[in-house]
Amino acid sequence: MKKLTAILIATLFAGAAFAQAPAATTTTTTTGTTTTAPAKAAAEDRAKVEKADTKAAEKITKAKAEEKETATKADTKAEKTKAKAHAKAEKKIAEAKKDSTETKVDATRK
């Protein structure tokens, strides 16, 4: 089955690669000059593609900038959370040491 699929795909690619281009038609304008319609259409298509590529590049740049901004905000938030947790832990450690010291003092008084 894999061979059959590979042959089918290869045939499609080969057919597309060697397909004949449509014959160019010429039209005569009112000034008497001859132009080719497919060439003009191709130029318009290229312009559309370039415009779409430009828009896509702008969107990609904007998305990357937003990603950096979001990552920076997340990092800042994570640092604040870590600092709060560290402070809370330090406070609990200090309280535990204080309680331990008080317990030792009470035990030595008895």
PDB file of N, CA and C in Angstrom:
ATOM      1  N   MET A   1       0.830  -1.196   0.000  1.00  0.00           N
ATOM      2  CA  MET A   1       0.000   0.000   0.000  1.00  0.00           C
ATOM      3  C   MET A   1       0.871   1.255   0.000  1.00  0.00           C
ATOM      4  N   LYS A   2       1.997   1.189   0.738  1.00  0.00           N
ATOM      5  CA  LYS A   2       2.889   2.337   0.788  1.00  0.00           C
ATOM      6  C   LYS A   2       3.513   2.604  -0.578  1.00  0.00           C
ATOM      7  N   LYS A   3       3.850   1.534  -1.285  1.00  0.00           N
ATOM      8  CA  LYS A   3       4.444   1.689  -2.614  1.00  0.00           C
ATOM      9  C   LYS A   3       3.444   2.316  -3.575  1.00  0.00           C
ATOM     10  N   LEU A   4       2.200   1.874  -3.485  1.00  0.00           N
ATOM     11  CA  LEU A   4       1.153   2.401  -4.353  1.00  0.00           C
ATOM     12  C   LEU A   4       0.953   3.890  -4.094  1.00  0.00           C
ATOM     13  N   THR A   5       0.934   4.289  -2.828  1.00  0.00           N
ATOM     14  CA  THR A   5       0.775   5.694  -2.473  1.00  0.00           C
ATOM     15  C   THR A   5       1.970   6.495  -2.970  1.00  0.00           C
ATOM     16  N   ALA A   6       3.174   5.940  -2.801  1.00  0.00           N
ATOM     17  CA  ALA A   6       4.384   6.640  -3.252  1.00  0.00           C
ATOM     18  C   ALA A   6       4.376   6.829  -4.765  1.00  0.00           C
ATOM     19  N   ILE A   7       3.950   5.822  -5.500  1.00  0.00           N
ATOM     20  CA  ILE A   7       3.884   5.918  -6.961  1.00  0.00           C
ATOM     21  C   ILE A   7       2.866   6.967  -7.387  1.00  0.00           C
ATOM     22  N   LEU A   8       1.718   6.993  -6.710  1.00  0.00           N
ATOM     23  CA  LEU A   8       0.676   7.970  -7.025  1.00  0.00           C
ATOM     24  C   LEU A   8       1.181   9.390  -6.790  1.00  0.00           C
ATOM     25  N   ILE A   9       1.834   9.603  -5.667  1.00  0.00           N
ATOM     26  CA  ILE A   9       2.348  10.942  -5.354  1.00  0.00           C
ATOM     27  C   ILE A   9       3.430  11.333  -6.344  1.00  0.00           C
ATOM     28  N   ALA A  10       4.319  10.404  -6.671  1.00  0.00           N
ATOM     29  CA  ALA A  10       5.387  10.694  -7.640  1.00  0.00           C
ATOM     30  C   ALA A  10       4.798  11.042  -8.999  1.00  0.00           C
ATOM     31  N   THR A  11       3.753  10.346  -9.397  1.00  0.00           N
ATOM     32  CA  THR A  11       3.100  10.628 -10.673  1.00  0.00           C
ATOM     33  C   THR A  11       2.490  12.028 -10.681  1.00  0.00           C
ATOM     34  N   LEU A  12       1.863  12.406  -9.565  1.00  0.00           N
ATOM     35  CA  LEU A  12       1.268  13.739  -9.482  1.00  0.00           C
ATOM     36  C   LEU A  12       2.333  14.827  -9.581  1.00  0.00           C
ATOM     37  N   PHE A  13       3.453  14.627  -8.875  1.00  0.00           N
ATOM     38  CA  PHE A  13       4.516  15.621  -8.947  1.00  0.00           C
ATOM     39  C   PHE A  13       5.118  15.689 -10.344  1.00  0.00           C
ATOM     40  N   ALA A  14       5.335  14.548 -10.955  1.00  0.00           N
ATOM     41  CA  ALA A  14       5.907  14.532 -12.301  1.00  0.00           C
ATOM     42  C   ALA A  14       4.947  15.183 -13.292  1.00  0.00           C
ATOM     43  N   GLY A  15       3.683  14.900 -13.160  1.00  0.00           N
ATOM     44  CA  GLY A  15       2.691  15.500 -14.053  1.00  0.00           C
ATOM     45  C   GLY A  15       2.637  17.009 -13.899  1.00  0.00           C
ATOM     46  N   ALA A  16       2.747  17.484 -12.660  1.00  0.00           N
ATOM     47  CA  ALA A  16       2.712  18.930 -12.426  1.00  0.00           C
ATOM     48  C   ALA A  16       3.981  19.588 -12.948  1.00  0.00           C
ATOM     49  N   ALA A  17       5.101  18.895 -12.838  1.00  0.00           N
ATOM     50  CA  ALA A  17       6.364  19.476 -13.274  1.00  0.00           C
ATOM     51  C   ALA A  17       6.449  19.594 -14.790  1.00  0.00           C
ATOM     52  N   PHE A  18       5.880  18.649 -15.501  1.00  0.00           N
ATOM     53  CA  PHE A  18       5.994  18.644 -16.955  1.00  0.00           C
ATOM     54  C   PHE A  18       4.725  19.083 -17.675  1.00  0.00           C
ATOM     55  N   ALA A  19       3.784  19.637 -16.935  1.00  0.00           N
ATOM     56  CA  ALA A  19       2.542  20.085 -17.564  1.00  0.00           C
ATOM     57  C   ALA A  19       2.830  21.281 -18.466  1.00  0.00           C
ATOM     58  N   GLN A  20       2.116  21.330 -19.569  1.00  0.00           N
ATOM     59  CA  GLN A  20       2.303  22.440 -20.497  1.00  0.00           C
ATOM     60  C   GLN A  20       1.599  23.671 -19.978  1.00  0.00           C
ATOM     61  N   ALA A  21       2.256  24.806 -20.156  1.00  0.00           N
ATOM     62  CA  ALA A  21       1.645  26.077 -19.803  1.00  0.00           C
ATOM     63  C   ALA A  21       0.631  26.429 -20.879  1.00  0.00           C
ATOM     64  N   PRO A  22      -0.444  27.125 -20.514  1.00  0.00           N
ATOM     65  CA  PRO A  22      -1.423  27.501 -21.537  1.00  0.00           C
ATOM     66  C   PRO A  22      -0.799  28.463 -22.546  1.00  0.00           C
ATOM     67  N   ALA A  23      -1.268  28.400 -23.755  1.00  0.00           N
ATOM     68  CA  ALA A  23      -0.747  29.253 -24.820  1.00  0.00           C
ATOM     69  C   ALA A  23      -1.051  30.706 -24.499  1.00  0.00           C
ATOM     70  N   ALA A  24      -0.082  31.569 -24.728  1.00  0.00           N
ATOM     71  CA  ALA A  24      -0.259  32.988 -24.463  1.00  0.00           C
ATOM     72  C   ALA A  24      -1.160  33.583 -25.533  1.00  0.00           C
ATOM     73  N   THR A  25      -2.136  34.309 -25.109  1.00  0.00           N
ATOM     74  CA  THR A  25      -3.019  34.975 -26.064  1.00  0.00           C
ATOM     75  C   THR A  25      -2.616  36.435 -26.136  1.00  0.00           C
ATOM     76  N   THR A  26      -2.744  36.985 -27.313  1.00  0.00           N
ATOM     77  CA  THR A  26      -2.390  38.391 -27.488  1.00  0.00           C
ATOM     78  C   THR A  26      -3.647  39.172 -27.790  1.00  0.00           C
ATOM     79  N   THR A  27      -3.645  40.381 -27.263  1.00  0.00           N
ATOM     80  CA  THR A  27      -4.778  41.260 -27.536  1.00  0.00           C
ATOM     81  C   THR A  27      -4.242  42.570 -28.080  1.00  0.00           C
ATOM     82  N   THR A  28      -5.001  43.185 -28.889  1.00  0.00           N
ATOM     83  CA  THR A  28      -4.588  44.462 -29.459  1.00  0.00           C
ATOM     84  C   THR A  28      -5.376  45.557 -28.771  1.00  0.00           C
ATOM     85  N   THR A  29      -4.654  46.528 -28.257  1.00  0.00           N
ATOM     86  CA  THR A  29      -5.312  47.629 -27.567  1.00  0.00           C
ATOM     87  C   THR A  29      -5.670  48.701 -28.575  1.00  0.00           C
ATOM     88  N   THR A  30      -6.311  49.752 -28.096  1.00  0.00           N
ATOM     89  CA  THR A  30      -6.747  50.815 -29.001  1.00  0.00           C
ATOM     90  C   THR A  30      -5.573  51.570 -29.593  1.00  0.00           C
ATOM     91  N   THR A  31      -4.401  51.484 -28.941  1.00  0.00           N
ATOM     92  CA  THR A  31      -3.243  52.195 -29.492  1.00  0.00           C
ATOM     93  C   THR A  31      -2.527  51.352 -30.531  1.00  0.00           C
ATOM     94  N   GLY A  32      -2.928  50.102 -30.673  1.00  0.00           N
ATOM     95  CA  GLY A  32      -2.340  49.252 -31.685  1.00  0.00           C
ATOM     96  C   GLY A  32      -1.203  48.396 -31.154  1.00  0.00           C
ATOM     97  N   THR A  33      -0.879  48.498 -29.856  1.00  0.00           N
ATOM     98  CA  THR A  33       0.194  47.677 -29.310  1.00  0.00           C
ATOM     99  C   THR A  33      -0.373  46.326 -28.903  1.00  0.00           C
ATOM    100  N   THR A  34       0.472  45.346 -28.944  1.00  0.00           N
ATOM    101  CA  THR A  34       0.052  43.997 -28.599  1.00  0.00           C
ATOM    102  C   THR A  34       0.584  43.644 -27.213  1.00  0.00           C
ATOM    103  N   THR A  35      -0.294  43.150 -26.374  1.00  0.00           N
ATOM    104  CA  THR A  35       0.111  42.729 -25.025  1.00  0.00           C
ATOM    105  C   THR A  35      -0.321  41.296 -24.813  1.00  0.00           C
ATOM    106  N   THR A  36       0.334  40.655 -23.893  1.00  0.00           N
ATOM    107  CA  THR A  36      -0.073  39.291 -23.581  1.00  0.00           C
ATOM    108  C   THR A  36      -0.861  39.304 -22.288  1.00  0.00           C
ATOM    109  N   ALA A  37      -2.037  38.758 -22.333  1.00  0.00           N
ATOM    110  CA  ALA A  37      -2.920  38.740 -21.168  1.00  0.00           C
ATOM    111  C   ALA A  37      -2.343  37.904 -20.028  1.00  0.00           C
ATOM    112  N   PRO A  38      -1.775  36.734 -20.288  1.00  0.00           N
ATOM    113  CA  PRO A  38      -1.236  35.957 -19.166  1.00  0.00           C
ATOM    114  C   PRO A  38      -0.081  36.659 -18.459  1.00  0.00           C
ATOM    115  N   ALA A  39       0.724  37.398 -19.195  1.00  0.00           N
ATOM    116  CA  ALA A  39       1.836  38.104 -18.564  1.00  0.00           C
ATOM    117  C   ALA A  39       1.315  39.169 -17.605  1.00  0.00           C
ATOM    118  N   LYS A  40       0.284  39.875 -18.039  1.00  0.00           N
ATOM    119  CA  LYS A  40      -0.310  40.907 -17.192  1.00  0.00           C
ATOM    120  C   LYS A  40      -0.945  40.274 -15.966  1.00  0.00           C
ATOM    121  N   ALA A  41      -1.646  39.189 -16.173  1.00  0.00           N
ATOM    122  CA  ALA A  41      -2.277  38.484 -15.053  1.00  0.00           C
ATOM    123  C   ALA A  41      -1.214  37.944 -14.095  1.00  0.00           C
ATOM    124  N   ALA A  42      -0.126  37.450 -14.650  1.00  0.00           N
ATOM    125  CA  ALA A  42       0.953  36.925 -13.813  1.00  0.00           C
ATOM    126  C   ALA A  42       1.572  38.040 -12.980  1.00  0.00           C
ATOM    127  N   ALA A  43       1.729  39.216 -13.580  1.00  0.00           N
ATOM    128  CA  ALA A  43       2.285  40.346 -12.840  1.00  0.00           C
ATOM    129  C   ALA A  43       1.355  40.758 -11.706  1.00  0.00           C
ATOM    130  N   GLU A  44       0.063  40.758 -11.981  1.00  0.00           N
ATOM    131  CA  GLU A  44      -0.917  41.093 -10.944  1.00  0.00           C
ATOM    132  C   GLU A  44      -0.896  40.047  -9.835  1.00  0.00           C
ATOM    133  N   ASP A  45      -0.779  38.784 -10.228  1.00  0.00           N
ATOM    134  CA  ASP A  45      -0.717  37.711  -9.237  1.00  0.00           C
ATOM    135  C   ASP A  45       0.529  37.853  -8.366  1.00  0.00           C
ATOM    136  N   ARG A  46       1.667  38.174  -8.996  1.00  0.00           N
ATOM    137  CA  ARG A  46       2.904  38.361  -8.228  1.00  0.00           C
ATOM    138  C   ARG A  46       2.750  39.504  -7.242  1.00  0.00           C
ATOM    139  N   ALA A  47       2.093  40.583  -7.666  1.00  0.00           N
ATOM    140  CA  ALA A  47       1.887  41.729  -6.784  1.00  0.00           C
ATOM    141  C   ALA A  47       1.017  41.331  -5.590  1.00  0.00           C
ATOM    142  N   LYS A  48      -0.021  40.533  -5.858  1.00  0.00           N
ATOM    143  CA  LYS A  48      -0.889  40.064  -4.781  1.00  0.00           C
ATOM    144  C   LYS A  48      -0.119  39.180  -3.807  1.00  0.00           C
ATOM    145  N   VAL A  49       0.714  38.316  -4.340  1.00  0.00           N
ATOM    146  CA  VAL A  49       1.509  37.413  -3.500  1.00  0.00           C
ATOM    147  C   VAL A  49       2.482  38.217  -2.644  1.00  0.00           C
ATOM    148  N   GLU A  50       3.142  39.199  -3.244  1.00  0.00           N
ATOM    149  CA  GLU A  50       4.081  40.034  -2.501  1.00  0.00           C
ATOM    150  C   GLU A  50       3.371  40.792  -1.389  1.00  0.00           C
ATOM    151  N   LYS A  51       2.181  41.304  -1.689  1.00  0.00           N
ATOM    152  CA  LYS A  51       1.408  42.033  -0.683  1.00  0.00           C
ATOM    153  C   LYS A  51       1.017  41.096   0.451  1.00  0.00           C
ATOM    154  N   ALA A  52       0.587  39.887   0.108  1.00  0.00           N
ATOM    155  CA  ALA A  52       0.216  38.911   1.131  1.00  0.00           C
ATOM    156  C   ALA A  52       1.433  38.511   1.966  1.00  0.00           C
ATOM    157  N   ASP A  53       2.592  38.350   1.324  1.00  0.00           N
ATOM    158  CA  ASP A  53       3.818  38.024   2.049  1.00  0.00           C
ATOM    159  C   ASP A  53       4.199  39.136   3.019  1.00  0.00           C
ATOM    160  N   THR A  54       4.042  40.377   2.568  1.00  0.00           N
ATOM    161  CA  THR A  54       4.359  41.515   3.418  1.00  0.00           C
ATOM    162  C   THR A  54       3.451  41.545   4.636  1.00  0.00           C
ATOM    163  N   LYS A  55       2.159  41.333   4.412  1.00  0.00           N
ATOM    164  CA  LYS A  55       1.211  41.313   5.527  1.00  0.00           C
ATOM    165  C   LYS A  55       1.527  40.172   6.486  1.00  0.00           C
ATOM    166  N   ALA A  56       1.865  39.021   5.942  1.00  0.00           N
ATOM    167  CA  ALA A  56       2.196  37.872   6.785  1.00  0.00           C
ATOM    168  C   ALA A  56       3.446  38.159   7.616  1.00  0.00           C
ATOM    169  N   ALA A  57       4.440  38.791   6.990  1.00  0.00           N
ATOM    170  CA  ALA A  57       5.669  39.132   7.715  1.00  0.00           C
ATOM    171  C   ALA A  57       5.374  40.115   8.845  1.00  0.00           C
ATOM    172  N   GLU A  58       4.498  41.082   8.582  1.00  0.00           N
ATOM    173  CA  GLU A  58       4.118  42.045   9.619  1.00  0.00           C
ATOM    174  C   GLU A  58       3.403  41.340  10.776  1.00  0.00           C
ATOM    175  N   LYS A  59       2.502  40.422  10.446  1.00  0.00           N
ATOM    176  CA  LYS A  59       1.781  39.692  11.476  1.00  0.00           C
ATOM    177  C   LYS A  59       2.736  38.836  12.310  1.00  0.00           C
ATOM    178  N   ILE A  60       3.700  38.221  11.648  1.00  0.00           N
ATOM    179  CA  ILE A  60       4.685  37.396  12.357  1.00  0.00           C
ATOM    180  C   ILE A  60       5.508  38.256  13.303  1.00  0.00           C
ATOM    181  N   THR A  61       5.954  39.411  12.814  1.00  0.00           N
ATOM    182  CA  THR A  61       6.740  40.320  13.649  1.00  0.00           C
ATOM    183  C   THR A  61       5.936  40.775  14.856  1.00  0.00           C
ATOM    184  N   LYS A  62       4.672  41.113  14.623  1.00  0.00           N
ATOM    185  CA  LYS A  62       3.805  41.559  15.710  1.00  0.00           C
ATOM    186  C   LYS A  62       3.579  40.432  16.718  1.00  0.00           C
ATOM    187  N   ALA A  63       3.374  39.215  16.233  1.00  0.00           N
ATOM    188  CA  ALA A  63       3.147  38.077  17.115  1.00  0.00           C
ATOM    189  C   ALA A  63       4.383  37.785  17.967  1.00  0.00           C
ATOM    190  N   LYS A  64       5.563  37.902  17.359  1.00  0.00           N
ATOM    191  CA  LYS A  64       6.803  37.673  18.110  1.00  0.00           C
ATOM    192  C   LYS A  64       6.988  38.731  19.182  1.00  0.00           C
ATOM    193  N   ALA A  65       6.647  39.979  18.865  1.00  0.00           N
ATOM    194  CA  ALA A  65       6.757  41.056  19.849  1.00  0.00           C
ATOM    195  C   ALA A  65       5.796  40.816  21.010  1.00  0.00           C
ATOM    196  N   GLU A  66       4.574  40.405  20.694  1.00  0.00           N
ATOM    197  CA  GLU A  66       3.597  40.102  21.733  1.00  0.00           C
ATOM    198  C   GLU A  66       4.060  38.922  22.590  1.00  0.00           C
ATOM    199  N   GLU A  67       4.673  37.943  21.945  1.00  0.00           N
ATOM    200  CA  GLU A  67       5.183  36.787  22.677  1.00  0.00           C
ATOM    201  C   GLU A  67       6.261  37.215  23.673  1.00  0.00           C
ATOM    202  N   LYS A  68       7.176  38.075  23.224  1.00  0.00           N
ATOM    203  CA  LYS A  68       8.230  38.557  24.114  1.00  0.00           C
ATOM    204  C   LYS A  68       7.638  39.334  25.284  1.00  0.00           C
ATOM    205  N   GLU A  69       6.660  40.175  24.991  1.00  0.00           N
ATOM    206  CA  GLU A  69       6.022  40.979  26.034  1.00  0.00           C
ATOM    207  C   GLU A  69       5.324  40.074  27.044  1.00  0.00           C
ATOM    208  N   THR A  70       4.609  39.086  26.549  1.00  0.00           N
ATOM    209  CA  THR A  70       3.906  38.156  27.432  1.00  0.00           C
ATOM    210  C   THR A  70       4.893  37.358  28.279  1.00  0.00           C
ATOM    211  N   ALA A  71       5.980  36.918  27.656  1.00  0.00           N
ATOM    212  CA  ALA A  71       6.994  36.162  28.391  1.00  0.00           C
ATOM    213  C   ALA A  71       7.630  37.027  29.468  1.00  0.00           C
ATOM    214  N   THR A  72       7.888  38.285  29.150  1.00  0.00           N
ATOM    215  CA  THR A  72       8.475  39.197  30.133  1.00  0.00           C
ATOM    216  C   THR A  72       7.525  39.400  31.303  1.00  0.00           C
ATOM    217  N   LYS A  73       6.251  39.601  31.000  1.00  0.00           N
ATOM    218  CA  LYS A  73       5.258  39.769  32.068  1.00  0.00           C
ATOM    219  C   LYS A  73       5.176  38.518  32.929  1.00  0.00           C
ATOM    220  N   ALA A  74       5.191  37.365  32.297  1.00  0.00           N
ATOM    221  CA  ALA A  74       5.115  36.107  33.036  1.00  0.00           C
ATOM    222  C   ALA A  74       6.346  35.918  33.917  1.00  0.00           C
ATOM    223  N   ASP A  75       7.518  36.260  33.375  1.00  0.00           N
ATOM    224  CA  ASP A  75       8.745  36.148  34.157  1.00  0.00           C
ATOM    225  C   ASP A  75       8.706  37.077  35.369  1.00  0.00           C
ATOM    226  N   THR A  76       8.240  38.298  35.151  1.00  0.00           N
ATOM    227  CA  THR A  76       8.144  39.261  36.246  1.00  0.00           C
ATOM    228  C   THR A  76       7.190  38.758  37.318  1.00  0.00           C
ATOM    229  N   LYS A  77       6.056  38.236  36.886  1.00  0.00           N
ATOM    230  CA  LYS A  77       5.068  37.716  37.832  1.00  0.00           C
ATOM    231  C   LYS A  77       5.644  36.520  38.596  1.00  0.00           C
ATOM    232  N   ALA A  78       6.359  35.661  37.896  1.00  0.00           N
ATOM    233  CA  ALA A  78       6.955  34.497  38.542  1.00  0.00           C
ATOM    234  C   ALA A  78       7.998  34.922  39.570  1.00  0.00           C
ATOM    235  N   GLU A  79       8.795  35.931  39.231  1.00  0.00           N
ATOM    236  CA  GLU A  79       9.799  36.432  40.176  1.00  0.00           C
ATOM    237  C   GLU A  79       9.139  37.007  41.418  1.00  0.00           C
ATOM    238  N   LYS A  80       8.047  37.762  41.241  1.00  0.00           N
ATOM    239  CA  LYS A  80       7.336  38.325  42.389  1.00  0.00           C
ATOM    240  C   LYS A  80       6.771  37.206  43.264  1.00  0.00           C
ATOM    241  N   THR A  81       6.177  36.203  42.621  1.00  0.00           N
ATOM    242  CA  THR A  81       5.611  35.084  43.370  1.00  0.00           C
ATOM    243  C   THR A  81       6.704  34.348  44.132  1.00  0.00           C
ATOM    244  N   LYS A  82       7.831  34.143  43.488  1.00  0.00           N
ATOM    245  CA  LYS A  82       8.951  33.458  44.132  1.00  0.00           C
ATOM    246  C   LYS A  82       9.472  34.279  45.311  1.00  0.00           C
ATOM    247  N   ALA A  83       9.566  35.598  45.137  1.00  0.00           N
ATOM    248  CA  ALA A  83      10.030  36.469  46.214  1.00  0.00           C
ATOM    249  C   ALA A  83       9.074  36.426  47.408  1.00  0.00           C
ATOM    250  N   LYS A  84       7.771  36.433  47.114  1.00  0.00           N
ATOM    251  CA  LYS A  84       6.782  36.352  48.194  1.00  0.00           C
ATOM    252  C   LYS A  84       6.891  35.026  48.931  1.00  0.00           C
ATOM    253  N   ALA A  85       7.039  33.954  48.173  1.00  0.00           N
ATOM    254  CA  ALA A  85       7.149  32.636  48.791  1.00  0.00           C
ATOM    255  C   ALA A  85       8.418  32.544  49.635  1.00  0.00           C
ATOM    256  N   HIS A  86       9.502  33.117  49.126  1.00  0.00           N
ATOM    257  CA  HIS A  86      10.758  33.096  49.871  1.00  0.00           C
ATOM    258  C   HIS A  86      10.626  33.898  51.171  1.00  0.00           C
ATOM    259  N   ALA A  87      10.001  35.071  51.089  1.00  0.00           N
ATOM    260  CA  ALA A  87       9.799  35.907  52.270  1.00  0.00           C
ATOM    261  C   ALA A  87       8.924  35.183  53.299  1.00  0.00           C
ATOM    262  N   LYS A  88       7.881  34.540  52.809  1.00  0.00           N
ATOM    263  CA  LYS A  88       6.978  33.805  53.702  1.00  0.00           C
ATOM    264  C   LYS A  88       7.726  32.662  54.383  1.00  0.00           C
ATOM    265  N   ALA A  89       8.541  31.962  53.613  1.00  0.00           N
ATOM    266  CA  ALA A  89       9.324  30.859  54.178  1.00  0.00           C
ATOM    267  C   ALA A  89      10.323  31.375  55.204  1.00  0.00           C
ATOM    268  N   GLU A  90      10.974  32.493  54.898  1.00  0.00           N
ATOM    269  CA  GLU A  90      11.925  33.090  55.850  1.00  0.00           C
ATOM    270  C   GLU A  90      11.221  33.479  57.144  1.00  0.00           C
ATOM    271  N   LYS A  91      10.036  34.019  57.026  1.00  0.00           N
ATOM    272  CA  LYS A  91       9.263  34.420  58.204  1.00  0.00           C
ATOM    273  C   LYS A  91       8.912  33.198  59.050  1.00  0.00           C
ATOM    274  N   LYS A  92       8.481  32.120  58.393  1.00  0.00           N
ATOM    275  CA  LYS A  92       8.144  30.900  59.120  1.00  0.00           C
ATOM    276  C   LYS A  92       9.380  30.297  59.784  1.00  0.00           C
ATOM    277  N   ILE A  93      10.518  30.351  59.107  1.00  0.00           N
ATOM    278  CA  ILE A  93      11.764  29.838  59.686  1.00  0.00           C
ATOM    279  C   ILE A  93      12.145  30.659  60.914  1.00  0.00           C
ATOM    280  N   ALA A  94      12.022  31.979  60.800  1.00  0.00           N
ATOM    281  CA  ALA A  94      12.345  32.845  61.934  1.00  0.00           C
ATOM    282  C   ALA A  94      11.422  32.558  63.113  1.00  0.00           C
ATOM    283  N   GLU A  95      10.121  32.358  62.827  1.00  0.00           N
ATOM    284  CA  GLU A  95       9.168  32.040  63.896  1.00  0.00           C
ATOM    285  C   GLU A  95       9.494  30.698  64.531  1.00  0.00           C
ATOM    286  N   ALA A  96       9.849  29.727  63.703  1.00  0.00           N
ATOM    287  CA  ALA A  96      10.190  28.405  64.228  1.00  0.00           C
ATOM    288  C   ALA A  96      11.433  28.480  65.110  1.00  0.00           C
ATOM    289  N   LYS A  97      12.430  29.253  64.696  1.00  0.00           N
ATOM    290  CA  LYS A  97      13.639  29.413  65.503  1.00  0.00           C
ATOM    291  C   LYS A  97      13.316  30.109  66.819  1.00  0.00           C
ATOM    292  N   LYS A  98      12.439  31.123  66.729  1.00  0.00           N
ATOM    293  CA  LYS A  98      12.031  31.853  67.935  1.00  0.00           C
ATOM    294  C   LYS A  98      11.308  30.917  68.893  1.00  0.00           C
ATOM    295  N   ASP A  99      10.377  30.123  68.361  1.00  0.00           N
ATOM    296  CA  ASP A  99       9.639  29.169  69.196  1.00  0.00           C
ATOM    297  C   ASP A  99      10.590  28.142  69.807  1.00  0.00           C
ATOM    298  N   SER A 100      11.541  27.701  69.023  1.00  0.00           N
ATOM    299  CA  SER A 100      12.508  26.732  69.511  1.00  0.00           C
ATOM    300  C   SER A 100      13.340  27.320  70.648  1.00  0.00           C
ATOM    301  N   THR A 101      13.759  28.549  70.460  1.00  0.00           N
ATOM    302  CA  THR A 101      14.551  29.223  71.492  1.00  0.00           C
ATOM    303  C   THR A 101      13.731  29.409  72.759  1.00  0.00           C
ATOM    304  N   GLU A 102      12.465  29.812  72.593  1.00  0.00           N
ATOM    305  CA  GLU A 102      11.591  30.001  73.750  1.00  0.00           C
ATOM    306  C   GLU A 102      11.357  28.684  74.472  1.00  0.00           C
ATOM    307  N   THR A 103      11.204  27.611  73.727  1.00  0.00           N
ATOM    308  CA  THR A 103      10.985  26.307  74.332  1.00  0.00           C
ATOM    309  C   THR A 103      12.222  25.887  75.110  1.00  0.00           C
ATOM    310  N   LYS A 104      13.403  26.137  74.554  1.00  0.00           N
ATOM    311  CA  LYS A 104      14.656  25.796  75.241  1.00  0.00           C
ATOM    312  C   LYS A 104      14.806  26.596  76.528  1.00  0.00           C
ATOM    313  N   VAL A 105      14.463  27.886  76.471  1.00  0.00           N
ATOM    314  CA  VAL A 105      14.543  28.763  77.664  1.00  0.00           C
ATOM    315  C   VAL A 105      13.583  28.261  78.719  1.00  0.00           C
ATOM    316  N   ASP A 106      12.357  27.920  78.317  1.00  0.00           N
ATOM    317  CA  ASP A 106      11.360  27.418  79.265  1.00  0.00           C
ATOM    318  C   ASP A 106      11.820  26.101  79.884  1.00  0.00           C
ATOM    319  N   ALA A 107      12.426  25.263  79.067  1.00  0.00           N
ATOM    320  CA  ALA A 107      12.884  23.952  79.562  1.00  0.00           C
ATOM    321  C   ALA A 107      14.027  24.118  80.554  1.00  0.00           C
ATOM    322  N   THR A 108      14.890  25.101  80.337  1.00  0.00           N
ATOM    323  CA  THR A 108      16.014  25.289  81.255  1.00  0.00           C
ATOM    324  C   THR A 108      15.544  25.950  82.541  1.00  0.00           C
ATOM    325  N   ARG A 109      14.458  26.678  82.542  1.00  0.00           N
ATOM    326  CA  ARG A 109      13.920  27.311  83.742  1.00  0.00           C
ATOM    327  C   ARG A 109      13.295  26.301  84.675  1.00  0.00           C
ATOM    328  N   LYS A 110      12.816  25.220  84.196  1.00  0.00           N
ATOM    329  CA  LYS A 110      12.105  24.230  85.003  1.00  0.00           C
ATOM    330  C   LYS A 110      13.070  23.394  85.697  1.00  0.00           C
TER     331      LYS A 110
END
